[in-house]
């Protein structure tokens, strides 16, 4: 299916949104993926590479091929798998309907499975329709997923800017994830909701996803934000951005360029990347049980590694060759020399150069800065700082909110330690609805002032 019928009807009303030929649908494996733990490696016999399969989606290519929970995925379409972005790229390279070869290890035995490649089923809702639209960014077609209420009239918008990770946003807004729960709440209130698949993810062109830098990713959101205001069913003066994690870095840049009614961010940063990375490393090392002396030693290494990789612009190999005394810090930051936290180093080098305080000082709109008290990924200090920066230039526009019993993923937890343990433990987790209440109440208050 290249385009939904409703979208085809809308093209004559929103010609500026149509760019070149309709963006085709790509194939979809349909598995959850997780790192292979030492215990799983020992049991499976997979010495290196591969990804663990904790879940298989009904109706997916994986289910049709016979992939099971507990398998270790080792090859897709002949490509050896070591990281999640490779899976999407390998599946997307096979035309829909053609056979895909999947190699797994199950109970220590290698198996080769096959099935025709399927697309995700088109999303449908009782009170909304989903437009599979597109924008062009840096010469590539980018998929946008726009839920439109069936009610008539110009509607307000919630524009989601997600965090880092190589995961498509093409998931039903009726699903169990935190993003889905937030989008569903706003859809139920009669809002248009907007999701953007980053370059190289889902149907979007411009990959491979794991080589897309910060500025290219940012521009995909920029073009989508400009485009959504042109829909005939959107009130362009009532567009709200919600930026989560890295989305809270993209958010103020977008809002400093394109007028919006409000910008909410959650679990993000406002200080320099060096401050954040060293502080975050300290916090997580302590939660992992490292000694104070070890943490101090690591911090010294990380200060040097950050300077060499970001300020000096050296590659990991160059940094370790010229300054072998700091090789431990470089390896800690980027074990493979190419990624940091699984994300392309070129992305981080551009992000490192952004002066977030400067962008926040340019934001002239309503701002809500949220931090969950059980966070171990983002620091509290950045969040009241955001409100302070905005209010210094635009008094009364921004507020800071600390949410109890909530962590970086909107999960309901009892402590930072509980959150840290939960993130390292596979399995479903409970979403704390207080983040939904915070966002909807904030938007209601703003719109009530109209």
Protein backbone atom coordinates (compact mmCIF):
# COMPACT_ATOMS: atom_id res chain seq x y z
CA UNK A 1 0.00 0.00 0.00
CA UNK A 2 1.72 3.19 -1.15
CA UNK A 3 -0.70 5.75 0.28
CA UNK A 4 -3.90 5.78 2.31
CA UNK A 5 -7.11 6.75 0.47
CA UNK A 6 -7.71 9.71 2.78
CA UNK A 7 -4.24 11.07 2.10
CA UNK A 8 -4.84 10.86 -1.63
CA UNK A 9 -7.97 12.95 -1.19
CA UNK A 10 -6.12 15.52 0.89
CA UNK A 11 -3.29 16.07 -1.54
CA UNK A 12 -5.30 18.55 -3.57
CA UNK A 13 -5.95 20.54 -0.38
CA UNK A 14 -2.39 20.49 0.89
CA UNK A 15 -0.20 20.54 -2.20
CA UNK A 16 2.83 22.03 -0.40
CA UNK A 17 3.05 18.85 1.67
CA UNK A 18 3.37 16.54 -1.33
CA UNK A 19 6.94 16.05 -2.47
CA UNK A 20 7.79 13.98 -5.53
CA UNK A 21 6.28 10.50 -5.73
CA UNK A 22 4.52 8.96 -2.72
CA UNK A 23 6.98 7.39 -0.30
CA UNK A 24 6.63 3.60 -0.58
CA UNK A 25 6.05 1.36 2.42
CA UNK A 26 9.03 -0.69 3.55
CA UNK A 27 9.20 -4.13 5.05
CA UNK A 28 9.00 -4.82 8.76
CA UNK A 29 10.50 -7.63 10.79
CA UNK A 30 8.28 -7.22 13.84
CA UNK A 31 10.43 -8.23 16.79
CA UNK A 32 11.55 -6.63 19.98
CA UNK A 33 15.34 -6.66 20.18
CA UNK A 34 17.71 -6.57 23.13
CA UNK A 35 21.45 -7.03 23.74
CA UNK A 36 22.69 -10.58 24.23
CA UNK A 37 23.68 -10.98 27.87
CA UNK A 38 26.61 -13.10 29.04
CA UNK A 39 24.15 -15.68 30.36
CA UNK A 40 22.34 -15.91 27.01
CA UNK A 41 25.65 -16.21 25.15
CA UNK A 42 26.70 -19.10 27.33
CA UNK A 43 23.38 -20.86 26.87
CA UNK A 44 23.07 -20.20 23.12
CA UNK A 45 26.70 -20.63 22.14
CA UNK A 46 26.67 -17.34 20.19
CA UNK A 47 30.14 -16.02 20.99
CA UNK A 48 29.71 -12.55 19.53
CA UNK A 49 27.20 -10.37 17.71
CA UNK A 50 23.51 -11.13 17.46
CA UNK A 51 20.49 -9.67 19.24
CA UNK A 52 18.13 -11.34 21.69
CA UNK A 53 14.42 -11.57 20.78
CA UNK A 54 12.24 -10.86 23.85
CA UNK A 55 9.05 -10.43 21.81
CA UNK A 56 7.48 -11.17 18.42
CA UNK A 57 4.61 -9.06 17.07
CA UNK A 58 1.55 -10.99 15.82
CA UNK A 59 1.04 -10.68 12.07
CA UNK A 60 4.65 -9.69 11.44
CA UNK A 61 7.27 -11.02 9.04
CA UNK A 62 9.07 -12.57 11.99
CA UNK A 63 5.99 -14.44 13.17
CA UNK A 64 5.33 -15.76 9.66
CA UNK A 65 8.92 -16.99 9.47
CA UNK A 66 8.64 -18.77 12.81
CA UNK A 67 10.89 -16.55 14.93
CA UNK A 68 10.22 -17.21 18.62
CA UNK A 69 10.74 -15.38 21.90
CA UNK A 70 14.15 -16.44 23.25
CA UNK A 71 15.82 -16.76 19.84
CA UNK A 72 19.11 -15.00 19.15
CA UNK A 73 18.92 -13.20 15.83
CA UNK A 74 22.26 -13.56 14.03
CA UNK A 75 21.58 -12.77 10.35
CA UNK A 76 18.86 -11.01 8.37
CA UNK A 77 18.93 -11.07 4.58
CA UNK A 78 22.48 -12.40 4.74
CA UNK A 79 23.67 -9.50 6.91
CA UNK A 80 25.37 -10.40 10.19
CA UNK A 81 23.56 -8.57 12.99
CA UNK A 82 25.43 -6.74 15.72
CA UNK A 83 23.14 -3.72 16.25
CA UNK A 84 19.45 -2.91 15.82
CA UNK A 85 19.83 -0.43 12.90
CA UNK A 86 21.21 -3.23 10.74
CA UNK A 87 17.96 -5.13 11.06
CA UNK A 88 15.79 -2.32 9.69
CA UNK A 89 18.26 -1.70 6.86
CA UNK A 90 18.45 -5.37 5.92
CA UNK A 91 14.68 -5.86 5.94
CA UNK A 92 14.11 -2.58 4.07
CA UNK A 93 16.44 -3.74 1.29
CA UNK A 94 14.10 -6.63 0.41
CA UNK A 95 10.99 -5.63 -1.59
CA UNK A 96 7.69 -6.22 0.14
CA UNK A 97 6.34 -9.65 -0.79
CA UNK A 98 9.71 -11.18 -1.56
CA UNK A 99 11.26 -13.86 0.64
CA UNK A 100 13.47 -12.81 3.54
CA UNK A 101 16.02 -15.19 5.03
CA UNK A 102 16.41 -14.99 8.81
CA UNK A 103 19.06 -16.88 10.74
CA UNK A 104 18.58 -17.48 14.47
CA UNK A 105 20.08 -19.63 17.19
CA UNK A 106 17.47 -21.45 19.26
CA UNK A 107 18.42 -23.61 22.24
CA UNK A 108 21.99 -23.67 20.99
CA UNK A 109 21.07 -24.80 17.48
CA UNK A 110 21.29 -22.64 14.30
CA UNK A 111 18.12 -22.36 12.24
CA UNK A 112 17.41 -20.71 8.89
CA UNK A 113 13.88 -19.34 8.55
CA UNK A 114 12.12 -17.72 5.60
CA UNK A 115 8.95 -15.72 4.96
CA UNK A 116 7.66 -13.07 2.53
CA UNK A 117 8.38 -9.55 3.78
CA UNK A 118 5.32 -7.80 5.22
CA UNK A 119 4.64 -4.14 5.96
CA UNK A 120 3.21 -2.93 9.23
CA UNK A 121 -0.59 -2.92 9.07
CA UNK A 122 -1.98 0.56 8.44
CA UNK A 123 -3.12 2.15 11.67
CA UNK A 124 -6.82 2.84 12.12
CA UNK A 125 -8.68 4.36 15.05
CA UNK A 126 -12.28 4.67 16.11
CA UNK A 127 -12.15 8.45 16.47
CA UNK A 128 -9.21 9.33 14.26
CA UNK A 129 -7.59 8.60 10.91
CA UNK A 130 -3.85 8.27 10.31
CA UNK A 131 -2.24 9.97 7.33
CA UNK A 132 0.95 8.34 6.06
CA UNK A 133 2.42 11.55 4.66
CA UNK A 134 5.90 12.78 3.86
CA UNK A 135 8.22 15.78 3.76
CA UNK A 136 11.57 16.26 2.08
CA UNK A 137 14.69 16.88 4.14
CA UNK A 138 18.16 17.13 2.60
CA UNK A 139 16.81 15.63 -0.61
CA UNK A 140 15.25 12.58 1.08
CA UNK A 141 11.62 11.72 1.67
CA UNK A 142 10.78 11.47 5.37
CA UNK A 143 7.73 9.65 6.66
CA UNK A 144 5.34 11.59 8.88
CA UNK A 145 2.50 9.87 10.74
CA UNK A 146 -0.36 12.26 11.43
CA UNK A 147 -3.43 11.25 13.42
CA UNK A 148 -6.41 13.40 12.50
CA UNK A 149 -9.58 13.47 14.62
CA UNK A 150 -12.73 12.71 12.68
CA UNK A 151 -14.33 15.81 14.19
CA UNK A 152 -14.59 18.80 11.87
CA UNK A 153 -12.76 22.10 12.21
CA UNK A 154 -9.21 23.28 12.72
CA UNK A 155 -7.59 21.31 15.49
CA UNK A 156 -4.68 21.91 17.89
CA UNK A 157 -1.55 19.79 17.46
CA UNK A 158 0.80 17.75 19.65
CA UNK A 159 4.10 17.32 17.78
CA UNK A 160 6.27 14.56 19.26
CA UNK A 161 10.07 14.80 19.09
CA UNK A 162 11.38 11.48 20.38
CA UNK A 163 14.69 10.62 22.01
CA UNK A 164 17.73 8.84 20.58
CA UNK A 165 17.46 5.31 19.25
CA UNK A 166 16.99 3.53 15.97
CA UNK A 167 13.31 2.70 16.36
CA UNK A 168 10.47 3.60 14.00
CA UNK A 169 7.62 5.63 15.46
CA UNK A 170 5.11 3.65 13.44
CA UNK A 171 3.39 2.10 16.44
CA UNK A 172 -0.36 2.35 17.12
CA UNK A 173 -1.22 5.24 19.41
CA UNK A 174 -3.47 2.76 21.17
CA UNK A 175 -0.35 0.78 22.17
CA UNK A 176 1.14 0.37 25.66
CA UNK A 177 4.31 2.48 25.30
CA UNK A 178 4.77 5.84 26.97
CA UNK A 179 4.73 7.72 23.68
CA UNK A 180 1.57 5.90 22.56
CA UNK A 181 -0.17 6.65 25.84
CA UNK A 182 0.66 10.36 25.57
CA UNK A 183 -0.41 10.57 21.91
CA UNK A 184 -3.65 8.71 22.64
CA UNK A 185 -4.52 11.11 25.48
CA UNK A 186 -4.15 14.09 23.16
CA UNK A 187 -5.98 12.37 20.32
CA UNK A 188 -8.87 11.74 22.70
CA UNK A 189 -8.90 15.48 23.45
CA UNK A 190 -9.41 16.22 19.76
CA UNK A 191 -5.77 17.03 18.92
CA UNK A 192 -3.93 16.21 15.75
CA UNK A 193 -0.80 14.26 16.69
CA UNK A 194 2.40 14.14 14.65
CA UNK A 195 5.22 11.59 14.63
CA UNK A 196 8.29 11.71 12.41
CA UNK A 197 10.42 8.74 11.43
CA UNK A 198 14.03 9.89 11.43
CA UNK A 199 16.11 9.48 8.24
CA UNK A 200 16.71 5.82 7.51
CA UNK A 201 14.05 4.55 9.91
CA UNK A 202 10.69 3.04 9.01
CA UNK A 203 9.75 4.17 5.52
CA UNK A 204 12.01 7.24 5.64
CA UNK A 205 14.84 7.61 3.16
CA UNK A 206 18.23 9.10 3.98
CA UNK A 207 19.86 6.20 5.79
CA UNK A 208 21.61 4.27 6.97
CA UNK A 209 20.09 5.46 10.24
CA UNK A 210 23.25 4.79 12.21
CA UNK A 211 25.18 7.30 10.09
CA UNK A 212 22.70 10.19 10.39
CA UNK A 213 24.09 13.17 12.28
CA UNK A 214 22.35 15.62 14.62
CA UNK A 215 21.70 18.34 12.05
CA UNK A 216 20.17 15.97 9.50
CA UNK A 217 17.92 14.49 12.15
CA UNK A 218 16.95 17.98 13.32
CA UNK A 219 16.04 19.06 9.80
CA UNK A 220 13.63 16.14 9.39
CA UNK A 221 11.69 17.45 12.40
CA UNK A 222 12.02 21.03 11.15
CA UNK A 223 10.48 20.23 7.76
CA UNK A 224 7.68 18.23 9.37
CA UNK A 225 6.86 21.06 11.78
CA UNK A 226 6.67 23.56 8.95
CA UNK A 227 4.51 21.22 6.90
CA UNK A 228 1.99 20.33 9.57
CA UNK A 229 0.94 23.96 9.93
CA UNK A 230 -0.25 23.87 6.31
CA UNK A 231 -2.84 21.16 6.80
CA UNK A 232 -6.34 22.57 6.31
CA UNK A 233 -7.53 20.79 9.48
CA UNK A 234 -4.79 22.26 11.73
CA UNK A 235 -4.95 25.47 13.76
CA UNK A 236 -1.41 26.78 13.10
CA UNK A 237 -1.55 28.98 16.21
CA UNK A 238 -2.14 26.01 18.51
CA UNK A 239 0.85 23.76 17.86
CA UNK A 240 2.56 22.25 20.90
CA UNK A 241 5.90 20.40 20.84
CA UNK A 242 6.74 17.64 23.30
CA UNK A 243 10.44 16.81 23.28
CA UNK A 244 11.62 13.80 25.27
CA UNK A 245 15.28 13.24 26.15
CA UNK A 246 17.24 14.15 22.99
CA UNK A 247 13.94 15.56 21.71
CA UNK A 248 14.33 18.13 24.47
CA UNK A 249 17.52 19.26 22.72
CA UNK A 250 15.88 19.43 19.29
CA UNK A 251 12.80 21.12 20.77
CA UNK A 252 14.19 24.54 21.74
CA UNK A 253 16.11 24.79 18.47
CA UNK A 254 12.88 24.20 16.56
CA UNK A 255 10.87 26.56 18.79
CA UNK A 256 13.51 29.29 18.41
CA UNK A 257 13.02 29.14 14.62
CA UNK A 258 9.34 28.31 14.16
CA UNK A 259 6.59 29.89 16.29
CA UNK A 260 4.68 27.38 18.43
CA UNK A 261 2.12 27.80 21.21
CA UNK A 262 4.07 25.75 23.69
CA UNK A 263 7.12 23.57 24.23
CA UNK A 264 7.27 20.84 26.86
CA UNK A 265 10.46 18.88 27.49
CA UNK A 266 11.16 15.89 29.70
CA UNK A 267 14.42 14.32 30.87
CA UNK A 268 16.79 16.47 28.83
CA UNK A 269 19.82 18.77 29.22
CA UNK A 270 20.54 22.49 29.25
CA UNK A 271 24.18 22.53 30.36
CA UNK A 272 27.21 21.57 28.28
CA UNK A 273 27.60 17.99 27.09
CA UNK A 274 30.85 17.56 29.02
CA UNK A 275 29.12 18.45 32.30
CA UNK A 276 26.26 16.13 31.52
CA UNK A 277 28.35 13.17 30.42
CA UNK A 278 30.71 13.20 33.38
CA UNK A 279 27.88 13.72 35.88
CA UNK A 280 25.77 11.00 34.27
CA UNK A 281 28.71 8.61 34.30
CA UNK A 282 29.24 9.27 38.01
CA UNK A 283 25.58 8.67 38.80
CA UNK A 284 25.30 5.44 36.85
CA UNK A 285 28.63 4.10 38.11
CA UNK A 286 27.46 4.62 41.69
CA UNK A 287 24.18 2.83 40.95
CA UNK A 288 26.17 -0.04 39.44
CA UNK A 289 28.10 -0.39 42.70
CA UNK A 290 31.48 1.03 41.72
CA UNK A 291 33.68 2.39 44.50
CA UNK A 292 34.16 6.15 45.02
CA UNK A 293 37.84 5.78 44.11
CA UNK A 294 36.99 4.01 40.87
CA UNK A 295 34.36 6.61 40.03
CA UNK A 296 36.86 9.44 40.61
CA UNK A 297 39.44 7.74 38.39
CA UNK A 298 36.87 7.29 35.63
CA UNK A 299 35.75 10.92 35.87
CA UNK A 300 39.31 12.13 35.29
CA UNK A 301 39.59 9.87 32.26
CA UNK A 302 36.26 11.06 30.88
CA UNK A 303 37.15 14.75 31.19
CA UNK A 304 40.20 14.08 29.04
CA UNK A 305 38.35 11.83 26.58
CA UNK A 306 35.58 14.39 26.09
CA UNK A 307 38.13 17.09 25.35
CA UNK A 308 40.06 14.95 22.87
CA UNK A 309 37.02 13.63 21.00
CA UNK A 310 34.86 16.75 21.02
CA UNK A 311 36.98 19.87 21.53
CA UNK A 312 39.99 18.57 19.61
CA UNK A 313 37.85 16.62 17.14
CA UNK A 314 40.07 13.55 17.19
CA UNK A 315 38.85 10.10 16.26
CA UNK A 316 38.98 7.44 18.97
CA UNK A 317 42.01 5.86 17.31
CA UNK A 318 43.82 9.19 17.01
CA UNK A 319 43.07 10.09 20.63
CA UNK A 320 44.39 6.78 21.97
CA UNK A 321 47.48 6.90 19.74
CA UNK A 322 48.46 10.45 20.68
CA UNK A 323 47.42 10.22 24.33
CA UNK A 324 47.62 6.58 25.43
CA UNK A 325 47.31 7.65 29.09
CA UNK A 326 43.65 8.50 28.35
CA UNK A 327 42.83 5.38 26.32
CA UNK A 328 40.75 4.01 29.20
CA UNK A 329 38.45 7.04 29.09
CA UNK A 330 38.12 6.91 25.30
CA UNK A 331 37.27 3.23 25.41
CA UNK A 332 34.73 3.84 28.14
CA UNK A 333 32.99 6.50 26.06
CA UNK A 334 33.12 4.65 22.76
CA UNK A 335 34.05 0.96 23.07
CA UNK A 336 33.84 0.43 19.31
CA UNK A 337 35.41 3.78 18.42
CA UNK A 338 32.42 4.74 16.27
CA UNK A 339 29.40 5.10 18.58
CA UNK A 340 28.50 6.50 21.97
CA UNK A 341 25.51 4.88 23.71
CA UNK A 342 24.94 3.06 20.44
CA UNK A 343 24.61 6.29 18.43
CA UNK A 344 26.90 7.53 15.64
CA UNK A 345 29.80 9.61 16.96
CA UNK A 346 29.24 12.22 14.25
CA UNK A 347 25.80 12.84 15.77
CA UNK A 348 27.31 13.50 19.21
CA UNK A 349 30.03 15.78 17.87
CA UNK A 350 27.40 18.07 16.37
CA UNK A 351 25.20 17.90 19.47
CA UNK A 352 28.21 18.74 21.64
CA UNK A 353 28.66 21.99 19.74
CA UNK A 354 25.16 23.28 20.47
CA UNK A 355 24.88 26.03 23.07
CA UNK A 356 21.57 25.01 24.60
CA UNK A 357 21.37 27.98 26.95
CA UNK A 358 21.57 30.24 23.90
CA UNK A 359 18.73 28.43 22.17
CA UNK A 360 16.58 28.48 25.30
CA UNK A 361 17.17 32.22 25.64
CA UNK A 362 15.62 32.66 22.18
CA UNK A 363 12.50 30.63 22.95
CA UNK A 364 9.49 32.95 23.27
CA UNK A 365 6.60 30.64 24.05
CA UNK A 366 5.01 28.75 26.93
CA UNK A 367 7.49 26.22 28.34
CA UNK A 368 7.07 23.26 30.68
CA UNK A 369 10.28 21.59 31.86
CA UNK A 370 9.62 18.19 33.47
CA UNK A 371 11.92 15.88 35.42
CA UNK A 372 11.03 12.53 36.96
CA UNK A 373 12.43 12.18 40.49
CA UNK A 374 13.67 8.62 39.82
CA UNK A 375 15.71 9.63 36.77
CA UNK A 376 19.20 8.15 36.39
CA UNK A 377 19.76 9.34 32.81
CA UNK A 378 19.02 13.08 33.08
CA UNK A 379 19.98 15.43 35.90
CA UNK A 380 17.49 17.52 37.84
CA UNK A 381 19.59 20.70 37.72
CA UNK A 382 19.06 21.22 33.99
CA UNK A 383 15.28 21.40 34.29
CA UNK A 384 14.73 24.35 36.66
CA UNK A 385 17.61 25.97 34.75
CA UNK A 386 15.54 25.80 31.56
CA UNK A 387 12.65 27.60 33.24
CA UNK A 388 15.02 30.21 34.70
CA UNK A 389 16.61 30.97 31.31
CA UNK A 390 13.25 31.36 29.58
CA UNK A 391 11.73 33.46 32.38
CA UNK A 392 14.72 35.80 32.46
CA UNK A 393 13.89 36.89 28.92
CA UNK A 394 10.14 36.26 28.98
CA UNK A 395 8.88 36.47 32.58
CA UNK A 396 6.16 34.01 33.52
CA UNK A 397 6.39 31.94 30.33
CA UNK A 398 8.12 28.87 31.79
CA UNK A 399 7.64 26.51 34.70
CA UNK A 400 9.50 23.55 36.18
CA UNK A 401 7.72 20.42 37.38
CA UNK A 402 9.16 17.45 39.27
CA UNK A 403 7.12 14.27 38.90
CA UNK A 404 7.15 11.76 41.76
CA UNK A 405 7.67 8.00 41.30
CA UNK A 406 8.66 8.43 37.62
CA UNK A 407 11.81 7.80 35.60
CA UNK A 408 13.27 8.62 32.20
CA UNK A 409 10.98 6.25 30.32
CA UNK A 410 7.83 7.47 32.14
CA UNK A 411 7.91 4.21 34.10
CA UNK A 412 6.43 4.02 37.59
CA UNK A 413 9.30 3.27 39.98
CA UNK A 414 9.97 3.53 43.70
CA UNK A 415 13.51 4.94 43.58
CA UNK A 416 16.43 5.74 41.31
CA UNK A 417 17.88 2.35 42.20
CA UNK A 418 14.61 0.65 41.24
CA UNK A 419 14.61 2.51 37.93
CA UNK A 420 18.23 1.59 37.17
CA UNK A 421 17.56 -2.07 37.91
CA UNK A 422 14.34 -2.07 35.87
CA UNK A 423 15.99 -0.67 32.75
CA UNK A 424 18.44 -3.56 32.79
CA UNK A 425 15.72 -6.16 33.27
CA UNK A 426 13.68 -7.33 30.23
CA UNK A 427 9.91 -7.38 30.48
CA UNK A 428 6.89 -5.04 30.52
CA UNK A 429 6.88 -2.05 32.85
CA UNK A 430 4.09 0.13 34.18
CA UNK A 431 3.76 3.65 32.77
CA UNK A 432 3.10 6.33 35.38
CA UNK A 433 0.12 8.35 34.08
CA UNK A 434 1.23 11.48 35.95
CA UNK A 435 3.28 12.55 32.91
CA UNK A 436 0.11 12.44 30.80
CA UNK A 437 -1.79 14.46 33.41
CA UNK A 438 1.03 17.02 33.59
CA UNK A 439 1.07 17.56 29.82
CA UNK A 440 -2.68 17.68 29.29
CA UNK A 441 -3.28 19.99 32.28
CA UNK A 442 -0.54 22.35 31.10
CA UNK A 443 -1.97 22.54 27.59
CA UNK A 444 -5.50 23.03 28.93
CA UNK A 445 -4.32 25.98 31.04
CA UNK A 446 -2.64 27.60 28.07
CA UNK A 447 -5.59 27.17 25.75
CA UNK A 448 -7.97 28.45 28.43
CA UNK A 449 -6.16 31.80 28.28
CA UNK A 450 -7.12 32.22 24.61
